[in-house]
Amino acid sequence: MTYDAYEFLAVFLAMAVLFALVPLWLARLWAKKFSPAKPGAQKNAVYECGLESRGSATIQFKSEYYLYGIIFLIFDVEALFLFPFAVAFLKLPVGAFIAMLVFILLLAEGLAWAWMKGVLTWK
């Protein structure tokens, strides 16, 4: 039994590890040589033309925005499920047609529920 294949794999693995670690090591050397050791006033300054932040950065959004967005995503993704059915419509058996009909009826029911609950009205 020859070990040529295993030697190739060992060299390949060593090169893969070196290919990943050498740039990291070079970046660390570069940072040690050219980066300031301690933060100063200039290093902590606002980057480029940014504004100095004041107050809290948290903003409270209304939950209706998220609900409206989630419903949009649901109906958008579900509409994508209709494309393969539409492409292969004439070649599908009756069972597939019934399954897709149930799918569309469930989508319509979800839309009717959201409409009756007032989720789709923008306040």
PDB file of N, CA and C in Angstrom:
ATOM      1  N   MET A   1       0.845  -1.181   0.000  1.00  0.00           N
ATOM      2  CA  MET A   1       0.000   0.000   0.000  1.00  0.00           C
ATOM      3  C   MET A   1       0.890   1.243   0.000  1.00  0.00           C
ATOM      4  N   THR A   2       0.617   2.180  -0.893  1.00  0.00           N
ATOM      5  CA  THR A   2       1.427   3.385  -0.983  1.00  0.00           C
ATOM      6  C   THR A   2       0.754   4.519  -0.212  1.00  0.00           C
ATOM      7  N   TYR A   3       1.568   5.418   0.237  1.00  0.00           N
ATOM      8  CA  TYR A   3       1.067   6.548   1.006  1.00  0.00           C
ATOM      9  C   TYR A   3       1.146   7.855   0.222  1.00  0.00           C
ATOM     10  N   ASP A   4       1.247   7.753  -1.091  1.00  0.00           N
ATOM     11  CA  ASP A   4       1.340   8.957  -1.907  1.00  0.00           C
ATOM     12  C   ASP A   4       0.090   9.819  -1.786  1.00  0.00           C
ATOM     13  N   ALA A   5      -1.064   9.191  -1.760  1.00  0.00           N
ATOM     14  CA  ALA A   5      -2.314   9.949  -1.647  1.00  0.00           C
ATOM     15  C   ALA A   5      -2.392  10.648  -0.296  1.00  0.00           C
ATOM     16  N   TYR A   6      -1.948   9.968   0.756  1.00  0.00           N
ATOM     17  CA  TYR A   6      -1.988  10.570   2.086  1.00  0.00           C
ATOM     18  C   TYR A   6      -0.977  11.711   2.211  1.00  0.00           C
ATOM     19  N   GLU A   7       0.167  11.555   1.577  1.00  0.00           N
ATOM     20  CA  GLU A   7       1.149  12.636   1.588  1.00  0.00           C
ATOM     21  C   GLU A   7       0.592  13.859   0.876  1.00  0.00           C
ATOM     22  N   PHE A   8      -0.077  13.651  -0.243  1.00  0.00           N
ATOM     23  CA  PHE A   8      -0.694  14.758  -0.964  1.00  0.00           C
ATOM     24  C   PHE A   8      -1.732  15.450  -0.089  1.00  0.00           C
ATOM     25  N   LEU A   9      -2.563  14.662   0.596  1.00  0.00           N
ATOM     26  CA  LEU A   9      -3.579  15.254   1.462  1.00  0.00           C
ATOM     27  C   LEU A   9      -2.957  16.020   2.625  1.00  0.00           C
ATOM     28  N   ALA A  10      -1.844  15.508   3.175  1.00  0.00           N
ATOM     29  CA  ALA A  10      -1.164  16.207   4.272  1.00  0.00           C
ATOM     30  C   ALA A  10      -0.599  17.539   3.796  1.00  0.00           C
ATOM     31  N   VAL A  11       0.034  17.542   2.632  1.00  0.00           N
ATOM     32  CA  VAL A  11       0.564  18.786   2.082  1.00  0.00           C
ATOM     33  C   VAL A  11      -0.571  19.745   1.759  1.00  0.00           C
ATOM     34  N   PHE A  12      -1.652  19.225   1.210  1.00  0.00           N
ATOM     35  CA  PHE A  12      -2.815  20.051   0.875  1.00  0.00           C
ATOM     36  C   PHE A  12      -3.413  20.675   2.136  1.00  0.00           C
ATOM     37  N   LEU A  13      -3.524  19.887   3.214  1.00  0.00           N
ATOM     38  CA  LEU A  13      -4.056  20.400   4.470  1.00  0.00           C
ATOM     39  C   LEU A  13      -3.126  21.451   5.064  1.00  0.00           C
ATOM     40  N   ALA A  14      -1.822  21.205   5.029  1.00  0.00           N
ATOM     41  CA  ALA A  14      -0.862  22.181   5.558  1.00  0.00           C
ATOM     42  C   ALA A  14      -0.932  23.491   4.765  1.00  0.00           C
ATOM     43  N   MET A  15      -1.031  23.398   3.450  1.00  0.00           N
ATOM     44  CA  MET A  15      -1.127  24.609   2.630  1.00  0.00           C
ATOM     45  C   MET A  15      -2.427  25.361   2.898  1.00  0.00           C
ATOM     46  N   ALA A  16      -3.523  24.632   3.126  1.00  0.00           N
ATOM     47  CA  ALA A  16      -4.796  25.279   3.417  1.00  0.00           C
ATOM     48  C   ALA A  16      -4.732  26.031   4.744  1.00  0.00           C
ATOM     49  N   VAL A  17      -4.111  25.415   5.736  1.00  0.00           N
ATOM     50  CA  VAL A  17      -3.979  26.071   7.041  1.00  0.00           C
ATOM     51  C   VAL A  17      -3.067  27.291   6.918  1.00  0.00           C
ATOM     52  N   LEU A  18      -1.953  27.152   6.224  1.00  0.00           N
ATOM     53  CA  LEU A  18      -1.052  28.287   6.036  1.00  0.00           C
ATOM     54  C   LEU A  18      -1.709  29.402   5.236  1.00  0.00           C
ATOM     55  N   PHE A  19      -2.495  29.040   4.243  1.00  0.00           N
ATOM     56  CA  PHE A  19      -3.192  30.030   3.422  1.00  0.00           C
ATOM     57  C   PHE A  19      -4.150  30.862   4.274  1.00  0.00           C
ATOM     58  N   ALA A  20      -4.711  30.261   5.322  1.00  0.00           N
ATOM     59  CA  ALA A  20      -5.625  30.988   6.193  1.00  0.00           C
ATOM     60  C   ALA A  20      -4.883  31.751   7.290  1.00  0.00           C
ATOM     61  N   LEU A  21      -3.805  31.187   7.829  1.00  0.00           N
ATOM     62  CA  LEU A  21      -3.162  31.781   8.998  1.00  0.00           C
ATOM     63  C   LEU A  21      -2.101  32.825   8.659  1.00  0.00           C
ATOM     64  N   VAL A  22      -1.411  32.693   7.548  1.00  0.00           N
ATOM     65  CA  VAL A  22      -0.348  33.639   7.205  1.00  0.00           C
ATOM     66  C   VAL A  22      -0.897  35.057   7.020  1.00  0.00           C
ATOM     67  N   PRO A  23      -1.989  35.293   6.301  1.00  0.00           N
ATOM     68  CA  PRO A  23      -2.499  36.667   6.205  1.00  0.00           C
ATOM     69  C   PRO A  23      -2.921  37.238   7.569  1.00  0.00           C
ATOM     70  N   LEU A  24      -3.465  36.405   8.438  1.00  0.00           N
ATOM     71  CA  LEU A  24      -3.822  36.889   9.772  1.00  0.00           C
ATOM     72  C   LEU A  24      -2.582  37.285  10.557  1.00  0.00           C
ATOM     73  N   TRP A  25      -1.542  36.485  10.447  1.00  0.00           N
ATOM     74  CA  TRP A  25      -0.306  36.781  11.143  1.00  0.00           C
ATOM     75  C   TRP A  25       0.331  38.069  10.592  1.00  0.00           C
ATOM     76  N   LEU A  26       0.326  38.234   9.267  1.00  0.00           N
ATOM     77  CA  LEU A  26       0.865  39.450   8.658  1.00  0.00           C
ATOM     78  C   LEU A  26       0.056  40.682   9.066  1.00  0.00           C
ATOM     79  N   ALA A  27      -1.250  40.550   9.143  1.00  0.00           N
ATOM     80  CA  ALA A  27      -2.092  41.674   9.565  1.00  0.00           C
ATOM     81  C   ALA A  27      -1.802  42.054  11.010  1.00  0.00           C
ATOM     82  N   ARG A  28      -1.564  41.069  11.853  1.00  0.00           N
ATOM     83  CA  ARG A  28      -1.239  41.350  13.258  1.00  0.00           C
ATOM     84  C   ARG A  28       0.109  42.066  13.364  1.00  0.00           C
ATOM     85  N   LEU A  29       1.099  41.619  12.604  1.00  0.00           N
ATOM     86  CA  LEU A  29       2.393  42.308  12.606  1.00  0.00           C
ATOM     87  C   LEU A  29       2.258  43.746  12.108  1.00  0.00           C
ATOM     88  N   TRP A  30       1.501  43.943  11.048  1.00  0.00           N
ATOM     89  CA  TRP A  30       1.274  45.277  10.497  1.00  0.00           C
ATOM     90  C   TRP A  30       0.597  46.171  11.532  1.00  0.00           C
ATOM     91  N   ALA A  31      -0.397  45.641  12.243  1.00  0.00           N
ATOM     92  CA  ALA A  31      -1.106  46.427  13.242  1.00  0.00           C
ATOM     93  C   ALA A  31      -0.197  46.796  14.408  1.00  0.00           C
ATOM     94  N   LYS A  32       0.661  45.879  14.831  1.00  0.00           N
ATOM     95  CA  LYS A  32       1.577  46.183  15.937  1.00  0.00           C
ATOM     96  C   LYS A  32       2.586  47.261  15.545  1.00  0.00           C
ATOM     97  N   LYS A  33       3.025  47.240  14.291  1.00  0.00           N
ATOM     98  CA  LYS A  33       4.052  48.188  13.866  1.00  0.00           C
ATOM     99  C   LYS A  33       3.484  49.575  13.577  1.00  0.00           C
ATOM    100  N   PHE A  34       2.309  49.656  12.935  1.00  0.00           N
ATOM    101  CA  PHE A  34       1.822  50.941  12.437  1.00  0.00           C
ATOM    102  C   PHE A  34       0.623  51.510  13.180  1.00  0.00           C
ATOM    103  N   SER A  35       0.015  50.769  14.087  1.00  0.00           N
ATOM    104  CA  SER A  35      -1.147  51.287  14.814  1.00  0.00           C
ATOM    105  C   SER A  35      -0.707  51.921  16.117  1.00  0.00           C
ATOM    106  N   PRO A  36      -1.388  53.001  16.515  1.00  0.00           N
ATOM    107  CA  PRO A  36      -1.088  53.580  17.817  1.00  0.00           C
ATOM    108  C   PRO A  36      -1.445  52.592  18.928  1.00  0.00           C
ATOM    109  N   ALA A  37      -0.638  52.560  19.962  1.00  0.00           N
ATOM    110  CA  ALA A  37      -0.843  51.590  21.029  1.00  0.00           C
ATOM    111  C   ALA A  37      -2.036  51.942  21.897  1.00  0.00           C
ATOM    112  N   LYS A  38      -2.276  53.244  22.136  1.00  0.00           N
ATOM    113  CA  LYS A  38      -3.348  53.662  23.045  1.00  0.00           C
ATOM    114  C   LYS A  38      -4.302  54.587  22.300  1.00  0.00           C
ATOM    115  N   PRO A  39      -5.586  54.506  22.639  1.00  0.00           N
ATOM    116  CA  PRO A  39      -6.529  55.429  21.998  1.00  0.00           C
ATOM    117  C   PRO A  39      -6.276  56.862  22.454  1.00  0.00           C
ATOM    118  N   GLY A  40      -6.357  57.752  21.534  1.00  0.00           N
ATOM    119  CA  GLY A  40      -6.187  59.164  21.835  1.00  0.00           C
ATOM    120  C   GLY A  40      -7.414  59.942  21.403  1.00  0.00           C
ATOM    121  N   ALA A  41      -7.332  61.235  21.484  1.00  0.00           N
ATOM    122  CA  ALA A  41      -8.470  62.082  21.115  1.00  0.00           C
ATOM    123  C   ALA A  41      -8.798  61.932  19.640  1.00  0.00           C
ATOM    124  N   GLN A  42      -7.762  61.836  18.825  1.00  0.00           N
ATOM    125  CA  GLN A  42      -7.998  61.711  17.387  1.00  0.00           C
ATOM    126  C   GLN A  42      -8.561  60.342  17.031  1.00  0.00           C
ATOM    127  N   LYS A  43      -8.116  59.304  17.736  1.00  0.00           N
ATOM    128  CA  LYS A  43      -8.592  57.951  17.440  1.00  0.00           C
ATOM    129  C   LYS A  43     -10.039  57.768  17.889  1.00  0.00           C
ATOM    130  N   ASN A  44     -10.465  58.460  18.942  1.00  0.00           N
ATOM    131  CA  ASN A  44     -11.838  58.347  19.437  1.00  0.00           C
ATOM    132  C   ASN A  44     -12.785  59.336  18.792  1.00  0.00           C
ATOM    133  N   ALA A  45     -12.301  60.153  17.880  1.00  0.00           N
ATOM    134  CA  ALA A  45     -13.151  61.150  17.235  1.00  0.00           C
ATOM    135  C   ALA A  45     -14.161  60.472  16.317  1.00  0.00           C
ATOM    136  N   VAL A  46     -15.215  61.215  15.986  1.00  0.00           N
ATOM    137  CA  VAL A  46     -16.243  60.703  15.090  1.00  0.00           C
ATOM    138  C   VAL A  46     -15.634  60.490  13.714  1.00  0.00           C
ATOM    139  N   TYR A  47     -15.955  59.358  13.092  1.00  0.00           N
ATOM    140  CA  TYR A  47     -15.378  58.988  11.807  1.00  0.00           C
ATOM    141  C   TYR A  47     -15.891  59.898  10.712  1.00  0.00           C
ATOM    142  N   GLU A  48     -15.021  60.473   9.955  1.00  0.00           N
ATOM    143  CA  GLU A  48     -15.284  61.339   8.812  1.00  0.00           C
ATOM    144  C   GLU A  48     -16.263  62.450   9.159  1.00  0.00           C
ATOM    145  N   CYS A  49     -17.413  62.513   8.471  1.00  0.00           N
ATOM    146  CA  CYS A  49     -18.323  63.637   8.636  1.00  0.00           C
ATOM    147  C   CYS A  49     -19.513  63.300   9.528  1.00  0.00           C
ATOM    148  N   GLY A  50     -19.405  62.300  10.353  1.00  0.00           N
ATOM    149  CA  GLY A  50     -20.526  61.912  11.200  1.00  0.00           C
ATOM    150  C   GLY A  50     -20.830  62.948  12.264  1.00  0.00           C
ATOM    151  N   LEU A  51     -22.049  62.908  12.763  1.00  0.00           N
ATOM    152  CA  LEU A  51     -22.468  63.818  13.812  1.00  0.00           C
ATOM    153  C   LEU A  51     -22.215  63.189  15.167  1.00  0.00           C
ATOM    154  N   GLU A  52     -21.933  64.017  16.136  1.00  0.00           N
ATOM    155  CA  GLU A  52     -21.763  63.524  17.496  1.00  0.00           C
ATOM    156  C   GLU A  52     -23.116  63.048  17.998  1.00  0.00           C
ATOM    157  N   SER A  53     -23.144  61.860  18.579  1.00  0.00           N
ATOM    158  CA  SER A  53     -24.414  61.322  19.057  1.00  0.00           C
ATOM    159  C   SER A  53     -24.779  61.962  20.386  1.00  0.00           C
ATOM    160  N   ARG A  54     -26.077  62.222  20.549  1.00  0.00           N
ATOM    161  CA  ARG A  54     -26.595  62.806  21.782  1.00  0.00           C
ATOM    162  C   ARG A  54     -27.800  61.998  22.220  1.00  0.00           C
ATOM    163  N   GLY A  55     -27.869  61.697  23.463  1.00  0.00           N
ATOM    164  CA  GLY A  55     -29.021  60.986  23.996  1.00  0.00           C
ATOM    165  C   GLY A  55     -28.972  59.506  23.678  1.00  0.00           C
ATOM    166  N   SER A  56     -30.128  58.873  23.848  1.00  0.00           N
ATOM    167  CA  SER A  56     -30.228  57.436  23.633  1.00  0.00           C
ATOM    168  C   SER A  56     -30.395  57.131  22.147  1.00  0.00           C
ATOM    169  N   ALA A  57     -29.797  56.053  21.719  1.00  0.00           N
ATOM    170  CA  ALA A  57     -29.888  55.661  20.312  1.00  0.00           C
ATOM    171  C   ALA A  57     -31.077  54.747  20.053  1.00  0.00           C
ATOM    172  N   THR A  58     -31.761  54.317  21.101  1.00  0.00           N
ATOM    173  CA  THR A  58     -32.896  53.412  20.914  1.00  0.00           C
ATOM    174  C   THR A  58     -34.139  54.190  20.527  1.00  0.00           C
ATOM    175  N   ILE A  59     -34.849  53.654  19.554  1.00  0.00           N
ATOM    176  CA  ILE A  59     -36.101  54.249  19.091  1.00  0.00           C
ATOM    177  C   ILE A  59     -37.167  53.179  19.193  1.00  0.00           C
ATOM    178  N   GLN A  60     -38.285  53.533  19.754  1.00  0.00           N
ATOM    179  CA  GLN A  60     -39.359  52.559  19.896  1.00  0.00           C
ATOM    180  C   GLN A  60     -40.314  52.689  18.710  1.00  0.00           C
ATOM    181  N   PHE A  61     -40.446  51.585  17.963  1.00  0.00           N
ATOM    182  CA  PHE A  61     -41.351  51.557  16.823  1.00  0.00           C
ATOM    183  C   PHE A  61     -42.662  50.918  17.246  1.00  0.00           C
ATOM    184  N   LYS A  62     -43.707  51.281  16.549  1.00  0.00           N
ATOM    185  CA  LYS A  62     -44.994  50.649  16.822  1.00  0.00           C
ATOM    186  C   LYS A  62     -44.982  49.221  16.273  1.00  0.00           C
ATOM    187  N   SER A  63     -45.650  48.336  16.966  1.00  0.00           N
ATOM    188  CA  SER A  63     -45.651  46.936  16.542  1.00  0.00           C
ATOM    189  C   SER A  63     -46.440  46.735  15.256  1.00  0.00           C
ATOM    190  N   GLU A  64     -47.300  47.676  14.905  1.00  0.00           N
ATOM    191  CA  GLU A  64     -48.067  47.548  13.664  1.00  0.00           C
ATOM    192  C   GLU A  64     -47.154  47.533  12.446  1.00  0.00           C
ATOM    193  N   TYR A  65     -46.049  48.254  12.510  1.00  0.00           N
ATOM    194  CA  TYR A  65     -45.112  48.266  11.385  1.00  0.00           C
ATOM    195  C   TYR A  65     -44.530  46.872  11.149  1.00  0.00           C
ATOM    196  N   TYR A  66     -44.150  46.228  12.241  1.00  0.00           N
ATOM    197  CA  TYR A  66     -43.580  44.880  12.119  1.00  0.00           C
ATOM    198  C   TYR A  66     -44.633  43.891  11.634  1.00  0.00           C
ATOM    199  N   LEU A  67     -45.837  43.991  12.166  1.00  0.00           N
ATOM    200  CA  LEU A  67     -46.910  43.089  11.754  1.00  0.00           C
ATOM    201  C   LEU A  67     -47.237  43.271  10.278  1.00  0.00           C
ATOM    202  N   TYR A  68     -47.282  44.512   9.840  1.00  0.00           N
ATOM    203  CA  TYR A  68     -47.546  44.800   8.434  1.00  0.00           C
ATOM    204  C   TYR A  68     -46.434  44.212   7.559  1.00  0.00           C
ATOM    205  N   GLY A  69     -45.184  44.367   7.985  1.00  0.00           N
ATOM    206  CA  GLY A  69     -44.056  43.821   7.233  1.00  0.00           C
ATOM    207  C   GLY A  69     -44.057  42.306   7.198  1.00  0.00           C
ATOM    208  N   ILE A  70     -44.391  41.661   8.314  1.00  0.00           N
ATOM    209  CA  ILE A  70     -44.428  40.193   8.357  1.00  0.00           C
ATOM    210  C   ILE A  70     -45.530  39.664   7.450  1.00  0.00           C
ATOM    211  N   ILE A  71     -46.669  40.311   7.465  1.00  0.00           N
ATOM    212  CA  ILE A  71     -47.761  39.858   6.591  1.00  0.00           C
ATOM    213  C   ILE A  71     -47.369  40.038   5.121  1.00  0.00           C
ATOM    214  N   PHE A  72     -46.699  41.146   4.815  1.00  0.00           N
ATOM    215  CA  PHE A  72     -46.225  41.330   3.442  1.00  0.00           C
ATOM    216  C   PHE A  72     -45.273  40.207   3.046  1.00  0.00           C
ATOM    217  N   LEU A  73     -44.317  39.876   3.927  1.00  0.00           N
ATOM    218  CA  LEU A  73     -43.369  38.810   3.614  1.00  0.00           C
ATOM    219  C   LEU A  73     -44.062  37.470   3.435  1.00  0.00           C
ATOM    220  N   ILE A  74     -45.035  37.189   4.283  1.00  0.00           N
ATOM    221  CA  ILE A  74     -45.755  35.912   4.172  1.00  0.00           C
ATOM    222  C   ILE A  74     -46.424  35.802   2.808  1.00  0.00           C
ATOM    223  N   PHE A  75     -47.162  36.828   2.417  1.00  0.00           N
ATOM    224  CA  PHE A  75     -47.883  36.743   1.151  1.00  0.00           C
ATOM    225  C   PHE A  75     -46.932  36.853  -0.038  1.00  0.00           C
ATOM    226  N   ASP A  76     -45.828  37.528   0.122  1.00  0.00           N
ATOM    227  CA  ASP A  76     -44.856  37.622  -0.957  1.00  0.00           C
ATOM    228  C   ASP A  76     -44.195  36.265  -1.206  1.00  0.00           C
ATOM    229  N   VAL A  77     -43.774  35.608  -0.143  1.00  0.00           N
ATOM    230  CA  VAL A  77     -43.127  34.297  -0.291  1.00  0.00           C
ATOM    231  C   VAL A  77     -44.134  33.253  -0.757  1.00  0.00           C
ATOM    232  N   GLU A  78     -45.343  33.314  -0.246  1.00  0.00           N
ATOM    233  CA  GLU A  78     -46.361  32.354  -0.668  1.00  0.00           C
ATOM    234  C   GLU A  78     -46.708  32.538  -2.142  1.00  0.00           C
ATOM    235  N   ALA A  79     -46.659  33.757  -2.618  1.00  0.00           N
ATOM    236  CA  ALA A  79     -46.908  33.980  -4.048  1.00  0.00           C
ATOM    237  C   ALA A  79     -45.815  33.337  -4.897  1.00  0.00           C
ATOM    238  N   LEU A  80     -44.593  33.270  -4.373  1.00  0.00           N
ATOM    239  CA  LEU A  80     -43.517  32.600  -5.106  1.00  0.00           C
ATOM    240  C   LEU A  80     -43.759  31.100  -5.225  1.00  0.00           C
ATOM    241  N   PHE A  81     -44.460  30.524  -4.248  1.00  0.00           N
ATOM    242  CA  PHE A  81     -44.772  29.095  -4.322  1.00  0.00           C
ATOM    243  C   PHE A  81     -45.773  28.793  -5.440  1.00  0.00           C
ATOM    244  N   LEU A  82     -46.462  29.797  -5.924  1.00  0.00           N
ATOM    245  CA  LEU A  82     -47.437  29.584  -6.991  1.00  0.00           C
ATOM    246  C   LEU A  82     -46.771  29.473  -8.372  1.00  0.00           C
ATOM    247  N   PHE A  83     -45.571  30.005  -8.534  1.00  0.00           N
ATOM    248  CA  PHE A  83     -44.917  29.990  -9.841  1.00  0.00           C
ATOM    249  C   PHE A  83     -44.633  28.583 -10.366  1.00  0.00           C
ATOM    250  N   PRO A  84     -44.044  27.675  -9.584  1.00  0.00           N
ATOM    251  CA  PRO A  84     -43.819  26.319 -10.126  1.00  0.00           C
ATOM    252  C   PRO A  84     -45.128  25.627 -10.489  1.00  0.00           C
ATOM    253  N   PHE A  85     -46.157  25.882  -9.720  1.00  0.00           N
ATOM    254  CA  PHE A  85     -47.451  25.292 -10.036  1.00  0.00           C
ATOM    255  C   PHE A  85     -47.986  25.842 -11.357  1.00  0.00           C
ATOM    256  N   ALA A  86     -47.829  27.135 -11.559  1.00  0.00           N
ATOM    257  CA  ALA A  86     -48.323  27.749 -12.789  1.00  0.00           C
ATOM    258  C   ALA A  86     -47.543  27.258 -14.011  1.00  0.00           C
ATOM    259  N   VAL A  87     -46.262  27.001 -13.837  1.00  0.00           N
ATOM    260  CA  VAL A  87     -45.444  26.551 -14.969  1.00  0.00           C
ATOM    261  C   VAL A  87     -45.829  25.138 -15.395  1.00  0.00           C
ATOM    262  N   ALA A  88     -46.077  24.270 -14.413  1.00  0.00           N
ATOM    263  CA  ALA A  88     -46.363  22.866 -14.715  1.00  0.00           C
ATOM    264  C   ALA A  88     -47.847  22.540 -14.571  1.00  0.00           C
ATOM    265  N   PHE A  89     -48.716  23.514 -14.735  1.00  0.00           N
ATOM    266  CA  PHE A  89     -50.138  23.321 -14.469  1.00  0.00           C
ATOM    267  C   PHE A  89     -50.764  22.216 -15.318  1.00  0.00           C
ATOM    268  N   LEU A  90     -50.489  22.187 -16.604  1.00  0.00           N
ATOM    269  CA  LEU A  90     -51.136  21.225 -17.494  1.00  0.00           C
ATOM    270  C   LEU A  90     -50.606  19.803 -17.320  1.00  0.00           C
ATOM    271  N   LYS A  91     -49.440  19.630 -16.717  1.00  0.00           N
ATOM    272  CA  LYS A  91     -48.846  18.310 -16.563  1.00  0.00           C
ATOM    273  C   LYS A  91     -49.098  17.692 -15.190  1.00  0.00           C
ATOM    274  N   LEU A  92     -49.751  18.419 -14.297  1.00  0.00           N
ATOM    275  CA  LEU A  92     -49.954  17.935 -12.931  1.00  0.00           C
ATOM    276  C   LEU A  92     -51.216  17.092 -12.817  1.00  0.00           C
ATOM    277  N   PRO A  93     -51.230  16.130 -11.897  1.00  0.00           N
ATOM    278  CA  PRO A  93     -52.442  15.339 -11.685  1.00  0.00           C
ATOM    279  C   PRO A  93     -53.490  16.141 -10.896  1.00  0.00           C
ATOM    280  N   VAL A  94     -54.658  15.555 -10.751  1.00  0.00           N
ATOM    281  CA  VAL A  94     -55.766  16.221 -10.066  1.00  0.00           C
ATOM    282  C   VAL A  94     -55.433  16.448  -8.589  1.00  0.00           C
ATOM    283  N   GLY A  95     -54.704  15.530  -7.965  1.00  0.00           N
ATOM    284  CA  GLY A  95     -54.336  15.688  -6.552  1.00  0.00           C
ATOM    285  C   GLY A  95     -53.499  16.932  -6.324  1.00  0.00           C
ATOM    286  N   ALA A  96     -52.599  17.242  -7.233  1.00  0.00           N
ATOM    287  CA  ALA A  96     -51.782  18.448  -7.119  1.00  0.00           C
ATOM    288  C   ALA A  96     -52.643  19.695  -7.263  1.00  0.00           C
ATOM    289  N   PHE A  97     -53.637  19.627  -8.160  1.00  0.00           N
ATOM    290  CA  PHE A  97     -54.539  20.756  -8.326  1.00  0.00           C
ATOM    291  C   PHE A  97     -55.337  20.999  -7.051  1.00  0.00           C
ATOM    292  N   ILE A  98     -55.810  19.947  -6.415  1.00  0.00           N
ATOM    293  CA  ILE A  98     -56.577  20.082  -5.171  1.00  0.00           C
ATOM    294  C   ILE A  98     -55.682  20.624  -4.054  1.00  0.00           C
ATOM    295  N   ALA A  99     -54.445  20.141  -3.982  1.00  0.00           N
ATOM    296  CA  ALA A  99     -53.511  20.638  -2.963  1.00  0.00           C
ATOM    297  C   ALA A  99     -53.246  22.125  -3.162  1.00  0.00           C
ATOM    298  N   MET A 100     -53.067  22.551  -4.396  1.00  0.00           N
ATOM    299  CA  MET A 100     -52.826  23.964  -4.654  1.00  0.00           C
ATOM    300  C   MET A 100     -54.082  24.791  -4.399  1.00  0.00           C
ATOM    301  N   LEU A 101     -55.248  24.226  -4.650  1.00  0.00           N
ATOM    302  CA  LEU A 101     -56.496  24.924  -4.358  1.00  0.00           C
ATOM    303  C   LEU A 101     -56.645  25.143  -2.857  1.00  0.00           C
ATOM    304  N   VAL A 102     -56.309  24.120  -2.062  1.00  0.00           N
ATOM    305  CA  VAL A 102     -56.341  24.271  -0.602  1.00  0.00           C
ATOM    306  C   VAL A 102     -55.347  25.338  -0.169  1.00  0.00           C
ATOM    307  N   PHE A 103     -54.164  25.330  -0.765  1.00  0.00           N
ATOM    308  CA  PHE A 103     -53.135  26.324  -0.449  1.00  0.00           C
ATOM    309  C   PHE A 103     -53.643  27.739  -0.731  1.00  0.00           C
ATOM    310  N   ILE A 104     -54.259  27.936  -1.879  1.00  0.00           N
ATOM    311  CA  ILE A 104     -54.770  29.263  -2.244  1.00  0.00           C
ATOM    312  C   ILE A 104     -55.925  29.665  -1.323  1.00  0.00           C
ATOM    313  N   LEU A 105     -56.781  28.706  -0.965  1.00  0.00           N
ATOM    314  CA  LEU A 105     -57.878  29.026  -0.048  1.00  0.00           C
ATOM    315  C   LEU A 105     -57.363  29.403   1.341  1.00  0.00           C
ATOM    316  N   LEU A 106     -56.305  28.754   1.807  1.00  0.00           N
ATOM    317  CA  LEU A 106     -55.709  29.133   3.082  1.00  0.00           C
ATOM    318  C   LEU A 106     -55.079  30.523   3.008  1.00  0.00           C
ATOM    319  N   LEU A 107     -54.465  30.835   1.888  1.00  0.00           N
ATOM    320  CA  LEU A 107     -53.939  32.182   1.710  1.00  0.00           C
ATOM    321  C   LEU A 107     -55.057  33.214   1.721  1.00  0.00           C
ATOM    322  N   ALA A 108     -56.140  32.923   1.031  1.00  0.00           N
ATOM    323  CA  ALA A 108     -57.274  33.848   1.002  1.00  0.00           C
ATOM    324  C   ALA A 108     -57.880  33.997   2.392  1.00  0.00           C
ATOM    325  N   GLU A 109     -57.943  32.896   3.142  1.00  0.00           N
ATOM    326  CA  GLU A 109     -58.466  32.975   4.503  1.00  0.00           C
ATOM    327  C   GLU A 109     -57.573  33.850   5.380  1.00  0.00           C
ATOM    328  N   GLY A 110     -56.269  33.703   5.258  1.00  0.00           N
ATOM    329  CA  GLY A 110     -55.340  34.540   6.018  1.00  0.00           C
ATOM    330  C   GLY A 110     -55.458  36.009   5.648  1.00  0.00           C
ATOM    331  N   LEU A 111     -55.642  36.288   4.374  1.00  0.00           N
ATOM    332  CA  LEU A 111     -55.823  37.666   3.937  1.00  0.00           C
ATOM    333  C   LEU A 111     -57.130  38.239   4.471  1.00  0.00           C
ATOM    334  N   ALA A 112     -58.192  37.444   4.412  1.00  0.00           N
ATOM    335  CA  ALA A 112     -59.478  37.908   4.947  1.00  0.00           C
ATOM    336  C   ALA A 112     -59.393  38.151   6.457  1.00  0.00           C
ATOM    337  N   TRP A 113     -58.693  37.268   7.187  1.00  0.00           N
ATOM    338  CA  TRP A 113     -58.545  37.444   8.631  1.00  0.00           C
ATOM    339  C   TRP A 113     -57.795  38.733   8.941  1.00  0.00           C
ATOM    340  N   ALA A 114     -56.673  38.972   8.213  1.00  0.00           N
ATOM    341  CA  ALA A 114     -55.891  40.178   8.447  1.00  0.00           C
ATOM    342  C   ALA A 114     -56.702  41.432   8.102  1.00  0.00           C
ATOM    343  N   TRP A 115     -57.514  41.346   7.077  1.00  0.00           N
ATOM    344  CA  TRP A 115     -58.324  42.485   6.668  1.00  0.00           C
ATOM    345  C   TRP A 115     -59.405  42.769   7.712  1.00  0.00           C
ATOM    346  N   MET A 116     -60.070  41.705   8.201  1.00  0.00           N
ATOM    347  CA  MET A 116     -61.129  41.894   9.202  1.00  0.00           C
ATOM    348  C   MET A 116     -60.566  42.388  10.536  1.00  0.00           C
ATOM    349  N   LYS A 117     -59.357  41.981  10.886  1.00  0.00           N
ATOM    350  CA  LYS A 117     -58.742  42.431  12.141  1.00  0.00           C
ATOM    351  C   LYS A 117     -58.234  43.871  12.043  1.00  0.00           C
ATOM    352  N   GLY A 118     -58.162  44.395  10.828  1.00  0.00           N
ATOM    353  CA  GLY A 118     -57.684  45.758  10.641  1.00  0.00           C
ATOM    354  C   GLY A 118     -56.172  45.857  10.600  1.00  0.00           C
ATOM    355  N   VAL A 119     -55.504  44.739  10.352  1.00  0.00           N
ATOM    356  CA  VAL A 119     -54.050  44.748  10.317  1.00  0.00           C
ATOM    357  C   VAL A 119     -53.533  45.504   9.093  1.00  0.00           C
ATOM    358  N   LEU A 120     -54.273  45.471   8.018  1.00  0.00           N
ATOM    359  CA  LEU A 120     -53.817  46.046   6.760  1.00  0.00           C
ATOM    360  C   LEU A 120     -54.095  47.549   6.659  1.00  0.00           C
ATOM    361  N   THR A 121     -54.775  48.123   7.636  1.00  0.00           N
ATOM    362  CA  THR A 121     -55.025  49.569   7.602  1.00  0.00           C
ATOM    363  C   THR A 121     -53.825  50.280   8.198  1.00  0.00           C
ATOM    364  N   TRP A 122     -53.365  51.270   7.498  1.00  0.00           N
ATOM    365  CA  TRP A 122     -52.190  52.035   7.946  1.00  0.00           C
ATOM    366  C   TRP A 122     -52.662  53.177   8.833  1.00  0.00           C
ATOM    367  N   LYS A 123     -52.134  53.217  10.053  1.00  0.00           N
ATOM    368  CA  LYS A 123     -52.576  54.250  11.015  1.00  0.00           C
ATOM    369  C   LYS A 123     -51.589  55.372  11.092  1.00  0.00           C
TER     370      LYS A 123
END
